[in-house]
Amino acid sequence: MNADAAANAEHFEKNRLNWDERAAIHAASTSYDLDWYRSNPGVVGRVVDFDRAYLGDLTGLSVVHLQCHIGTDTLSLARLGAADVTGVDQSGASLDVARQLFADTDTPGRFVESNVYDAPTALADTFDVVYTGVGALNWLPDIDRWSAVVSALLEPGGRLYIREGHPMLWAMDDDLTADGRPQLRYPYFETNDPMVFDFDDTYVDTDEKIAATRTYEWNHSISEIFNAVTRHGMNITLFEEHRTLEWKMFEHMVDVGNGRYELPPEQRDMCPLMYSLGAVKQS
């Protein structure tokens, strides 16, 4: 194992420990509201509900959800008609929650514990759709290698759909300038060295603290993502940038309903916050 691979293996392990702790906290939170899914057969979560206009018809298709966490979006994909759903995540604790959620809702599906980069070997299968949701790519150091994984998992003619925080967003500081404007702090482009964070909290409404506080993240520019996707035999069929987020990243963001936030009117056209990207693997 070379030095970079060894370092990344350590980064992945630290991130896994952090997400293992988050799993139980998120499962108990009102933010994820697992009882809402249990009590409302057929209901689709807000993330996938936003995505359904871009996803296309999933009826009868096989779908793999990379970095699925506790499975709420995976469940939503099944409820959109996917015939076969598979969730992949490196956090075993997260997958335990996902499996229980599927059992509680009588939903067929499987969950496989694996680092994203090892998914083709761990799954030994191909799919009609690869889905990757919000807050996933920032945990991966190499976007080209990720794209190779996606291509390996897709059937010829199969499609990729991803919605993610825009790299412009990930480059911003959480704190505003003195005059109330977003400001750049982190790299926009992919770097060898990760961004290092040390926080004992998570993004849901809770007082519980995390012991495994150290995490590692990477940004990937739009051109790097586009080039990686096309380099590995996929044609981009959809790209749209969005002005809204599912969380209130900045204190002055405006609640626009349905759990979504945007910058105030005088700033909402200044920069994108998220994007949707679709691609089809060449036959």
C-alpha atoms as a PDB file:
ATOM      1  CA  MET A   1       0.000   0.000   0.000  1.00  0.00           C
ATOM      2  CA  ASN A   2       1.491   3.350  -1.033  1.00  0.00           C
ATOM      3  CA  ALA A   3       1.556   6.357   1.272  1.00  0.00           C
ATOM      4  CA  ASP A   4      -1.530   8.001  -0.258  1.00  0.00           C
ATOM      5  CA  ALA A   5      -3.547   4.770  -0.090  1.00  0.00           C
ATOM      6  CA  ALA A   6      -2.504   4.191   3.514  1.00  0.00           C
ATOM      7  CA  ALA A   7      -3.472   7.742   4.454  1.00  0.00           C
ATOM      8  CA  ASN A   8      -6.851   7.418   2.748  1.00  0.00           C
ATOM      9  CA  ALA A   9      -7.492   4.090   4.489  1.00  0.00           C
ATOM     10  CA  GLU A  10      -6.965   5.886   7.797  1.00  0.00           C
ATOM     11  CA  HIS A  11      -9.231   8.735   6.682  1.00  0.00           C
ATOM     12  CA  PHE A  12     -11.983   6.278   5.702  1.00  0.00           C
ATOM     13  CA  GLU A  13     -11.722   4.525   9.048  1.00  0.00           C
ATOM     14  CA  LYS A  14     -11.998   7.779  11.002  1.00  0.00           C
ATOM     15  CA  ASN A  15     -14.989   8.786   8.895  1.00  0.00           C
ATOM     16  CA  ARG A  16     -16.594   5.372   9.428  1.00  0.00           C
ATOM     17  CA  LEU A  17     -16.262   5.671  13.204  1.00  0.00           C
ATOM     18  CA  ASN A  18     -17.887   9.102  13.057  1.00  0.00           C
ATOM     19  CA  TRP A  19     -20.809   7.827  10.949  1.00  0.00           C
ATOM     20  CA  ASP A  20     -21.241   4.745  13.137  1.00  0.00           C
ATOM     21  CA  GLU A  21     -21.935   7.119  16.018  1.00  0.00           C
ATOM     22  CA  ARG A  22     -24.210   9.319  13.956  1.00  0.00           C
ATOM     23  CA  ALA A  23     -26.390   6.353  12.974  1.00  0.00           C
ATOM     24  CA  ALA A  24     -28.201   5.895  16.295  1.00  0.00           C
ATOM     25  CA  ILE A  25     -28.475   9.664  16.810  1.00  0.00           C
ATOM     26  CA  HIS A  26     -30.000  10.161  13.375  1.00  0.00           C
ATOM     27  CA  ALA A  27     -32.309   7.168  13.767  1.00  0.00           C
ATOM     28  CA  ALA A  28     -33.756   8.699  16.945  1.00  0.00           C
ATOM     29  CA  SER A  29     -34.063  12.216  15.530  1.00  0.00           C
ATOM     30  CA  THR A  30     -37.121  14.087  14.331  1.00  0.00           C
ATOM     31  CA  SER A  31     -35.047  15.177  11.325  1.00  0.00           C
ATOM     32  CA  TYR A  32     -35.060  11.671   9.859  1.00  0.00           C
ATOM     33  CA  ASP A  33     -38.397  10.794  11.520  1.00  0.00           C
ATOM     34  CA  LEU A  34     -38.300   7.049  10.867  1.00  0.00           C
ATOM     35  CA  ASP A  35     -41.751   6.623  12.425  1.00  0.00           C
ATOM     36  CA  TRP A  36     -43.161   8.812   9.663  1.00  0.00           C
ATOM     37  CA  TYR A  37     -41.987   6.259   7.099  1.00  0.00           C
ATOM     38  CA  ARG A  38     -43.282   3.383   9.222  1.00  0.00           C
ATOM     39  CA  SER A  39     -46.697   4.977   9.708  1.00  0.00           C
ATOM     40  CA  ASN A  40     -47.214   6.123   6.125  1.00  0.00           C
ATOM     41  CA  PRO A  41     -46.828   3.278   3.610  1.00  0.00           C
ATOM     42  CA  GLY A  42     -45.842   4.658   0.244  1.00  0.00           C
ATOM     43  CA  VAL A  43     -44.677   8.055   1.491  1.00  0.00           C
ATOM     44  CA  VAL A  44     -41.510   9.384  -0.174  1.00  0.00           C
ATOM     45  CA  GLY A  45     -38.934  11.469   1.689  1.00  0.00           C
ATOM     46  CA  ARG A  46     -38.233  15.085   0.813  1.00  0.00           C
ATOM     47  CA  VAL A  47     -34.851  14.416  -0.797  1.00  0.00           C
ATOM     48  CA  VAL A  48     -36.132  11.822  -3.256  1.00  0.00           C
ATOM     49  CA  ASP A  49     -39.385  13.716  -3.733  1.00  0.00           C
ATOM     50  CA  PHE A  50     -37.315  16.623  -5.072  1.00  0.00           C
ATOM     51  CA  ASP A  51     -35.323  14.225  -7.255  1.00  0.00           C
ATOM     52  CA  ARG A  52     -38.256  12.370  -8.789  1.00  0.00           C
ATOM     53  CA  ALA A  53     -38.717  14.989 -11.535  1.00  0.00           C
ATOM     54  CA  TYR A  54     -35.149  14.230 -12.720  1.00  0.00           C
ATOM     55  CA  LEU A  55     -34.908  10.522 -11.936  1.00  0.00           C
ATOM     56  CA  GLY A  56     -37.248   9.220 -14.600  1.00  0.00           C
ATOM     57  CA  ASP A  57     -39.462   6.192 -14.176  1.00  0.00           C
ATOM     58  CA  LEU A  58     -37.974   3.588 -11.817  1.00  0.00           C
ATOM     59  CA  THR A  59     -40.774   1.059 -12.222  1.00  0.00           C
ATOM     60  CA  GLY A  60     -39.380  -2.443 -12.439  1.00  0.00           C
ATOM     61  CA  LEU A  61     -35.731  -1.315 -12.413  1.00  0.00           C
ATOM     62  CA  SER A  62     -32.818  -2.413 -10.257  1.00  0.00           C
ATOM     63  CA  VAL A  63     -31.325   0.495  -8.273  1.00  0.00           C
ATOM     64  CA  VAL A  64     -28.173   0.691  -6.189  1.00  0.00           C
ATOM     65  CA  HIS A  65     -27.887   3.583  -3.731  1.00  0.00           C
ATOM     66  CA  LEU A  66     -24.271   4.396  -2.920  1.00  0.00           C
ATOM     67  CA  GLN A  67     -23.532   5.857   0.538  1.00  0.00           C
ATOM     68  CA  CYS A  68     -27.085   5.155   1.636  1.00  0.00           C
ATOM     69  CA  HIS A  69     -26.624   5.908   5.378  1.00  0.00           C
ATOM     70  CA  ILE A  70     -29.720   4.757   7.354  1.00  0.00           C
ATOM     71  CA  GLY A  71     -31.806   3.972   4.281  1.00  0.00           C
ATOM     72  CA  THR A  72     -34.576   6.577   4.193  1.00  0.00           C
ATOM     73  CA  ASP A  73     -33.758   7.618   0.623  1.00  0.00           C
ATOM     74  CA  THR A  74     -33.237   3.972  -0.354  1.00  0.00           C
ATOM     75  CA  LEU A  75     -36.716   3.212   0.956  1.00  0.00           C
ATOM     76  CA  SER A  76     -38.085   6.161  -1.004  1.00  0.00           C
ATOM     77  CA  LEU A  77     -36.527   4.801  -4.213  1.00  0.00           C
ATOM     78  CA  ALA A  78     -38.268   1.491  -3.588  1.00  0.00           C
ATOM     79  CA  ARG A  79     -41.532   3.349  -3.073  1.00  0.00           C
ATOM     80  CA  LEU A  80     -41.087   5.043  -6.455  1.00  0.00           C
ATOM     81  CA  GLY A  81     -41.400   1.614  -8.031  1.00  0.00           C
ATOM     82  CA  ALA A  82     -37.891   0.178  -8.187  1.00  0.00           C
ATOM     83  CA  ALA A  83     -38.204  -3.602  -8.313  1.00  0.00           C
ATOM     84  CA  ASP A  84     -34.863  -4.296  -6.663  1.00  0.00           C
ATOM     85  CA  VAL A  85     -33.047  -1.880  -4.344  1.00  0.00           C
ATOM     86  CA  THR A  86     -29.586  -2.240  -2.859  1.00  0.00           C
ATOM     87  CA  GLY A  87     -27.965   0.130  -0.388  1.00  0.00           C
ATOM     88  CA  VAL A  88     -24.201   0.401   0.078  1.00  0.00           C
ATOM     89  CA  ASP A  89     -22.453   2.114   2.970  1.00  0.00           C
ATOM     90  CA  GLN A  90     -19.221   1.619   4.900  1.00  0.00           C
ATOM     91  CA  SER A  91     -20.975   2.212   8.245  1.00  0.00           C
ATOM     92  CA  GLY A  92     -22.285  -1.077   9.591  1.00  0.00           C
ATOM     93  CA  ALA A  93     -24.229   0.748  12.296  1.00  0.00           C
ATOM     94  CA  SER A  94     -26.028   2.795   9.649  1.00  0.00           C
ATOM     95  CA  LEU A  95     -26.923  -0.348   7.710  1.00  0.00           C
ATOM     96  CA  ASP A  96     -28.332  -1.978  10.848  1.00  0.00           C
ATOM     97  CA  VAL A  97     -30.806   0.914  11.083  1.00  0.00           C
ATOM     98  CA  ALA A  98     -31.595   0.680   7.359  1.00  0.00           C
ATOM     99  CA  ARG A  99     -32.271  -3.054   7.519  1.00  0.00           C
ATOM    100  CA  GLN A 100     -34.609  -2.573  10.471  1.00  0.00           C
ATOM    101  CA  LEU A 101     -36.459   0.215   8.664  1.00  0.00           C
ATOM    102  CA  PHE A 102     -36.982  -2.043   5.650  1.00  0.00           C
ATOM    103  CA  ALA A 103     -38.133  -4.901   7.892  1.00  0.00           C
ATOM    104  CA  ASP A 104     -40.552  -2.612   9.758  1.00  0.00           C
ATOM    105  CA  THR A 105     -42.092  -1.439   6.481  1.00  0.00           C
ATOM    106  CA  ASP A 106     -42.121  -4.874   4.800  1.00  0.00           C
ATOM    107  CA  THR A 107     -39.935  -3.551   1.996  1.00  0.00           C
ATOM    108  CA  PRO A 108     -37.680  -5.957   0.057  1.00  0.00           C
ATOM    109  CA  GLY A 109     -34.094  -4.821  -0.279  1.00  0.00           C
ATOM    110  CA  ARG A 110     -30.528  -5.644   0.609  1.00  0.00           C
ATOM    111  CA  PHE A 111     -27.760  -3.682   2.268  1.00  0.00           C
ATOM    112  CA  VAL A 112     -24.064  -4.312   1.761  1.00  0.00           C
ATOM    113  CA  GLU A 113     -21.311  -2.952   3.978  1.00  0.00           C
ATOM    114  CA  SER A 114     -18.529  -1.666   1.746  1.00  0.00           C
ATOM    115  CA  ASN A 115     -16.348   1.297   0.989  1.00  0.00           C
ATOM    116  CA  VAL A 116     -17.639   2.890  -2.227  1.00  0.00           C
ATOM    117  CA  TYR A 117     -14.433   2.079  -4.076  1.00  0.00           C
ATOM    118  CA  ASP A 118     -14.810  -1.622  -3.226  1.00  0.00           C
ATOM    119  CA  ALA A 119     -18.499  -1.784  -4.211  1.00  0.00           C
ATOM    120  CA  PRO A 120     -18.103  -3.610  -7.570  1.00  0.00           C
ATOM    121  CA  THR A 121     -16.333  -6.478  -5.822  1.00  0.00           C
ATOM    122  CA  ALA A 122     -18.629  -6.443  -2.792  1.00  0.00           C
ATOM    123  CA  LEU A 123     -21.792  -6.469  -4.921  1.00  0.00           C
ATOM    124  CA  ALA A 124     -20.647  -8.589  -7.877  1.00  0.00           C
ATOM    125  CA  ASP A 125     -23.683  -7.305  -9.771  1.00  0.00           C
ATOM    126  CA  THR A 126     -24.814  -4.617 -12.194  1.00  0.00           C
ATOM    127  CA  PHE A 127     -27.851  -2.339 -12.071  1.00  0.00           C
ATOM    128  CA  ASP A 128     -30.192  -0.243 -14.178  1.00  0.00           C
ATOM    129  CA  VAL A 129     -29.698   2.853 -12.006  1.00  0.00           C
ATOM    130  CA  VAL A 130     -26.959   4.151  -9.717  1.00  0.00           C
ATOM    131  CA  TYR A 131     -28.269   6.778  -7.290  1.00  0.00           C
ATOM    132  CA  THR A 132     -26.110   8.999  -5.116  1.00  0.00           C
ATOM    133  CA  GLY A 133     -27.704  11.558  -2.822  1.00  0.00           C
ATOM    134  CA  VAL A 134     -26.839  14.707  -0.962  1.00  0.00           C
ATOM    135  CA  GLY A 135     -23.596  14.901   1.015  1.00  0.00           C
ATOM    136  CA  ALA A 136     -21.826  11.884  -0.482  1.00  0.00           C
ATOM    137  CA  LEU A 137     -19.046  12.876  -2.885  1.00  0.00           C
ATOM    138  CA  ASN A 138     -17.378  15.113  -0.304  1.00  0.00           C
ATOM    139  CA  TRP A 139     -16.327  11.959   1.613  1.00  0.00           C
ATOM    140  CA  LEU A 140     -14.375  10.584  -1.373  1.00  0.00           C
ATOM    141  CA  PRO A 141     -10.797  11.611  -2.288  1.00  0.00           C
ATOM    142  CA  ASP A 142     -10.804  10.619  -5.964  1.00  0.00           C
ATOM    143  CA  ILE A 143     -13.731  11.520  -8.223  1.00  0.00           C
ATOM    144  CA  ASP A 144     -12.269   9.684 -11.215  1.00  0.00           C
ATOM    145  CA  ARG A 145     -12.105   6.439  -9.259  1.00  0.00           C
ATOM    146  CA  TRP A 146     -15.690   6.992  -8.095  1.00  0.00           C
ATOM    147  CA  SER A 147     -16.819   7.346 -11.710  1.00  0.00           C
ATOM    148  CA  ALA A 148     -15.055   4.103 -12.629  1.00  0.00           C
ATOM    149  CA  VAL A 149     -17.039   2.399  -9.849  1.00  0.00           C
ATOM    150  CA  VAL A 150     -20.319   3.833 -11.145  1.00  0.00           C
ATOM    151  CA  SER A 151     -19.550   2.645 -14.674  1.00  0.00           C
ATOM    152  CA  ALA A 152     -18.678  -0.836 -13.404  1.00  0.00           C
ATOM    153  CA  LEU A 153     -21.987  -1.041 -11.538  1.00  0.00           C
ATOM    154  CA  LEU A 154     -24.160   0.046 -14.471  1.00  0.00           C
ATOM    155  CA  GLU A 155     -25.672  -2.152 -17.130  1.00  0.00           C
ATOM    156  CA  PRO A 156     -25.056  -0.885 -20.685  1.00  0.00           C
ATOM    157  CA  GLY A 157     -27.741   1.751 -21.201  1.00  0.00           C
ATOM    158  CA  GLY A 158     -28.142   2.103 -17.441  1.00  0.00           C
ATOM    159  CA  ARG A 159     -28.220   5.526 -15.887  1.00  0.00           C
ATOM    160  CA  LEU A 160     -26.545   7.505 -13.135  1.00  0.00           C
ATOM    161  CA  TYR A 161     -28.377  10.133 -11.129  1.00  0.00           C
ATOM    162  CA  ILE A 162     -26.725  12.268  -8.502  1.00  0.00           C
ATOM    163  CA  ARG A 163     -27.854  15.321  -6.573  1.00  0.00           C
ATOM    164  CA  GLU A 164     -25.165  16.870  -4.496  1.00  0.00           C
ATOM    165  CA  GLY A 165     -24.024  20.017  -2.784  1.00  0.00           C
ATOM    166  CA  HIS A 166     -22.448  22.245  -5.414  1.00  0.00           C
ATOM    167  CA  PRO A 167     -18.639  22.445  -5.137  1.00  0.00           C
ATOM    168  CA  MET A 168     -19.103  26.192  -4.804  1.00  0.00           C
ATOM    169  CA  LEU A 169     -21.157  25.520  -1.676  1.00  0.00           C
ATOM    170  CA  TRP A 170     -18.558  23.142  -0.218  1.00  0.00           C
ATOM    171  CA  ALA A 171     -15.900  25.813  -0.771  1.00  0.00           C
ATOM    172  CA  MET A 172     -17.753  28.293   1.454  1.00  0.00           C
ATOM    173  CA  ASP A 173     -17.246  29.088   5.109  1.00  0.00           C
ATOM    174  CA  ASP A 174     -20.201  28.413   7.408  1.00  0.00           C
ATOM    175  CA  ASP A 175     -19.755  31.932   8.787  1.00  0.00           C
ATOM    176  CA  LEU A 176     -20.790  34.995   6.800  1.00  0.00           C
ATOM    177  CA  THR A 177     -18.682  38.104   6.256  1.00  0.00           C
ATOM    178  CA  ALA A 178     -19.212  41.095   8.523  1.00  0.00           C
ATOM    179  CA  ASP A 179     -21.683  42.526   5.989  1.00  0.00           C
ATOM    180  CA  GLY A 180     -23.677  39.271   5.772  1.00  0.00           C
ATOM    181  CA  ARG A 181     -22.317  37.632   2.618  1.00  0.00           C
ATOM    182  CA  PRO A 182     -21.137  34.066   2.008  1.00  0.00           C
ATOM    183  CA  GLN A 183     -17.367  33.812   1.707  1.00  0.00           C
ATOM    184  CA  LEU A 184     -14.899  31.305   0.283  1.00  0.00           C
ATOM    185  CA  ARG A 185     -12.736  29.295   2.699  1.00  0.00           C
ATOM    186  CA  TYR A 186     -12.042  25.811   1.307  1.00  0.00           C
ATOM    187  CA  PRO A 187     -10.672  24.449  -2.000  1.00  0.00           C
ATOM    188  CA  TYR A 188     -13.027  24.335  -4.972  1.00  0.00           C
ATOM    189  CA  PHE A 189     -10.893  21.773  -6.804  1.00  0.00           C
ATOM    190  CA  GLU A 190      -9.940  18.248  -5.751  1.00  0.00           C
ATOM    191  CA  THR A 191      -6.771  18.195  -3.644  1.00  0.00           C
ATOM    192  CA  ASN A 192      -4.530  15.370  -2.455  1.00  0.00           C
ATOM    193  CA  ASP A 193      -4.771  16.486   1.149  1.00  0.00           C
ATOM    194  CA  PRO A 194      -8.241  16.424   2.692  1.00  0.00           C
ATOM    195  CA  MET A 195     -10.023  19.134   4.585  1.00  0.00           C
ATOM    196  CA  VAL A 196      -9.908  18.159   8.252  1.00  0.00           C
ATOM    197  CA  PHE A 197     -12.815  18.846  10.610  1.00  0.00           C
ATOM    198  CA  ASP A 198     -13.172  18.232  14.323  1.00  0.00           C
ATOM    199  CA  PHE A 199     -16.725  18.547  15.649  1.00  0.00           C
ATOM    200  CA  ASP A 200     -18.597  16.657  18.348  1.00  0.00           C
ATOM    201  CA  ASP A 201     -22.060  17.390  16.917  1.00  0.00           C
ATOM    202  CA  THR A 202     -24.058  16.359  13.862  1.00  0.00           C
ATOM    203  CA  TYR A 203     -26.586  18.058  11.618  1.00  0.00           C
ATOM    204  CA  VAL A 204     -29.790  16.894  13.314  1.00  0.00           C
ATOM    205  CA  ASP A 205     -31.504  18.589  16.251  1.00  0.00           C
ATOM    206  CA  THR A 206     -29.959  16.819  19.254  1.00  0.00           C
ATOM    207  CA  ASP A 207     -27.884  17.456  22.354  1.00  0.00           C
ATOM    208  CA  GLU A 208     -26.001  14.165  21.974  1.00  0.00           C
ATOM    209  CA  LYS A 209     -22.281  14.398  21.321  1.00  0.00           C
ATOM    210  CA  ILE A 210     -19.982  12.304  19.142  1.00  0.00           C
ATOM    211  CA  ALA A 211     -16.716  10.923  20.525  1.00  0.00           C
ATOM    212  CA  ALA A 212     -15.114  10.163  17.121  1.00  0.00           C
ATOM    213  CA  THR A 213     -14.937  13.832  16.182  1.00  0.00           C
ATOM    214  CA  ARG A 214     -12.229  13.884  13.487  1.00  0.00           C
ATOM    215  CA  THR A 215     -13.442  13.653   9.861  1.00  0.00           C
ATOM    216  CA  TYR A 216     -11.876  14.136   6.423  1.00  0.00           C
ATOM    217  CA  GLU A 217     -13.492  15.546   3.282  1.00  0.00           C
ATOM    218  CA  TRP A 218     -12.601  16.501  -0.282  1.00  0.00           C
ATOM    219  CA  ASN A 219     -14.168  18.834  -2.825  1.00  0.00           C
ATOM    220  CA  HIS A 220     -14.509  18.121  -6.567  1.00  0.00           C
ATOM    221  CA  SER A 221     -15.079  20.795  -9.175  1.00  0.00           C
ATOM    222  CA  ILE A 222     -17.847  20.612 -11.753  1.00  0.00           C
ATOM    223  CA  SER A 223     -15.334  20.091 -14.565  1.00  0.00           C
ATOM    224  CA  GLU A 224     -13.624  17.287 -12.629  1.00  0.00           C
ATOM    225  CA  ILE A 225     -16.993  15.562 -12.136  1.00  0.00           C
ATOM    226  CA  PHE A 226     -18.018  16.021 -15.778  1.00  0.00           C
ATOM    227  CA  ASN A 227     -14.679  14.774 -17.093  1.00  0.00           C
ATOM    228  CA  ALA A 228     -14.689  11.758 -14.769  1.00  0.00           C
ATOM    229  CA  VAL A 229     -18.187  10.728 -15.840  1.00  0.00           C
ATOM    230  CA  THR A 230     -17.506  11.036 -19.567  1.00  0.00           C
ATOM    231  CA  ARG A 231     -14.052   9.436 -19.265  1.00  0.00           C
ATOM    232  CA  HIS A 232     -15.641   6.235 -17.997  1.00  0.00           C
ATOM    233  CA  GLY A 233     -18.096   5.676 -20.818  1.00  0.00           C
ATOM    234  CA  MET A 234     -21.128   7.680 -19.706  1.00  0.00           C
ATOM    235  CA  ASN A 235     -22.910  10.420 -21.631  1.00  0.00           C
ATOM    236  CA  ILE A 236     -24.243  13.303 -19.558  1.00  0.00           C
ATOM    237  CA  THR A 237     -27.952  13.773 -20.255  1.00  0.00           C
ATOM    238  CA  LEU A 238     -28.939  16.160 -17.460  1.00  0.00           C
ATOM    239  CA  PHE A 239     -27.310  18.967 -15.550  1.00  0.00           C
ATOM    240  CA  GLU A 240     -29.170  21.539 -13.507  1.00  0.00           C
ATOM    241  CA  GLU A 241     -27.981  23.856 -10.736  1.00  0.00           C
ATOM    242  CA  HIS A 242     -30.286  24.680  -7.836  1.00  0.00           C
ATOM    243  CA  ARG A 243     -30.745  27.683  -5.576  1.00  0.00           C
ATOM    244  CA  THR A 244     -32.063  25.723  -2.575  1.00  0.00           C
ATOM    245  CA  LEU A 245     -30.742  23.428   0.159  1.00  0.00           C
ATOM    246  CA  GLU A 246     -32.347  20.876   2.478  1.00  0.00           C
ATOM    247  CA  TRP A 247     -30.665  22.509   5.456  1.00  0.00           C
ATOM    248  CA  LYS A 248     -30.043  26.012   6.753  1.00  0.00           C
ATOM    249  CA  MET A 249     -26.314  26.317   6.162  1.00  0.00           C
ATOM    250  CA  PHE A 250     -26.209  30.074   6.688  1.00  0.00           C
ATOM    251  CA  GLU A 251     -28.044  31.846   9.491  1.00  0.00           C
ATOM    252  CA  HIS A 252     -29.688  34.340   7.126  1.00  0.00           C
ATOM    253  CA  MET A 253     -31.148  31.753   4.744  1.00  0.00           C
ATOM    254  CA  VAL A 254     -34.854  31.968   3.987  1.00  0.00           C
ATOM    255  CA  ASP A 255     -37.290  29.092   4.615  1.00  0.00           C
ATOM    256  CA  VAL A 256     -39.110  28.547   1.307  1.00  0.00           C
ATOM    257  CA  GLY A 257     -41.207  25.617   2.536  1.00  0.00           C
ATOM    258  CA  ASN A 258     -41.102  21.842   2.308  1.00  0.00           C
ATOM    259  CA  GLY A 259     -37.886  21.737   4.321  1.00  0.00           C
ATOM    260  CA  ARG A 260     -35.906  23.850   1.870  1.00  0.00           C
ATOM    261  CA  TYR A 261     -33.871  27.031   2.286  1.00  0.00           C
ATOM    262  CA  GLU A 262     -32.363  29.583  -0.054  1.00  0.00           C
ATOM    263  CA  LEU A 263     -30.244  32.709   0.200  1.00  0.00           C
ATOM    264  CA  PRO A 264     -32.117  35.996   0.791  1.00  0.00           C
ATOM    265  CA  PRO A 265     -33.589  37.658  -2.322  1.00  0.00           C
ATOM    266  CA  GLU A 266     -30.661  40.007  -2.898  1.00  0.00           C
ATOM    267  CA  GLN A 267     -28.218  37.048  -2.876  1.00  0.00           C
ATOM    268  CA  ARG A 268     -30.204  34.102  -4.287  1.00  0.00           C
ATOM    269  CA  ASP A 269     -28.823  34.530  -7.813  1.00  0.00           C
ATOM    270  CA  MET A 270     -25.189  34.946  -6.719  1.00  0.00           C
ATOM    271  CA  CYS A 271     -24.174  31.275  -6.628  1.00  0.00           C
ATOM    272  CA  PRO A 272     -25.578  27.749  -6.987  1.00  0.00           C
ATOM    273  CA  LEU A 273     -26.069  25.656  -3.854  1.00  0.00           C
ATOM    274  CA  MET A 274     -26.801  22.210  -5.305  1.00  0.00           C
ATOM    275  CA  TYR A 275     -26.880  20.428  -8.640  1.00  0.00           C
ATOM    276  CA  SER A 276     -28.533  17.443 -10.307  1.00  0.00           C
ATOM    277  CA  LEU A 277     -26.589  15.380 -12.818  1.00  0.00           C
ATOM    278  CA  GLY A 278     -27.774  12.493 -14.950  1.00  0.00           C
ATOM    279  CA  ALA A 279     -25.805  10.279 -17.304  1.00  0.00           C
ATOM    280  CA  VAL A 280     -26.316   7.128 -19.368  1.00  0.00           C
ATOM    281  CA  LYS A 281     -23.718   4.399 -19.812  1.00  0.00           C
ATOM    282  CA  GLN A 282     -22.892   3.795 -23.448  1.00  0.00           C
ATOM    283  CA  SER A 283     -24.161   0.495 -24.837  1.00  0.00           C
END
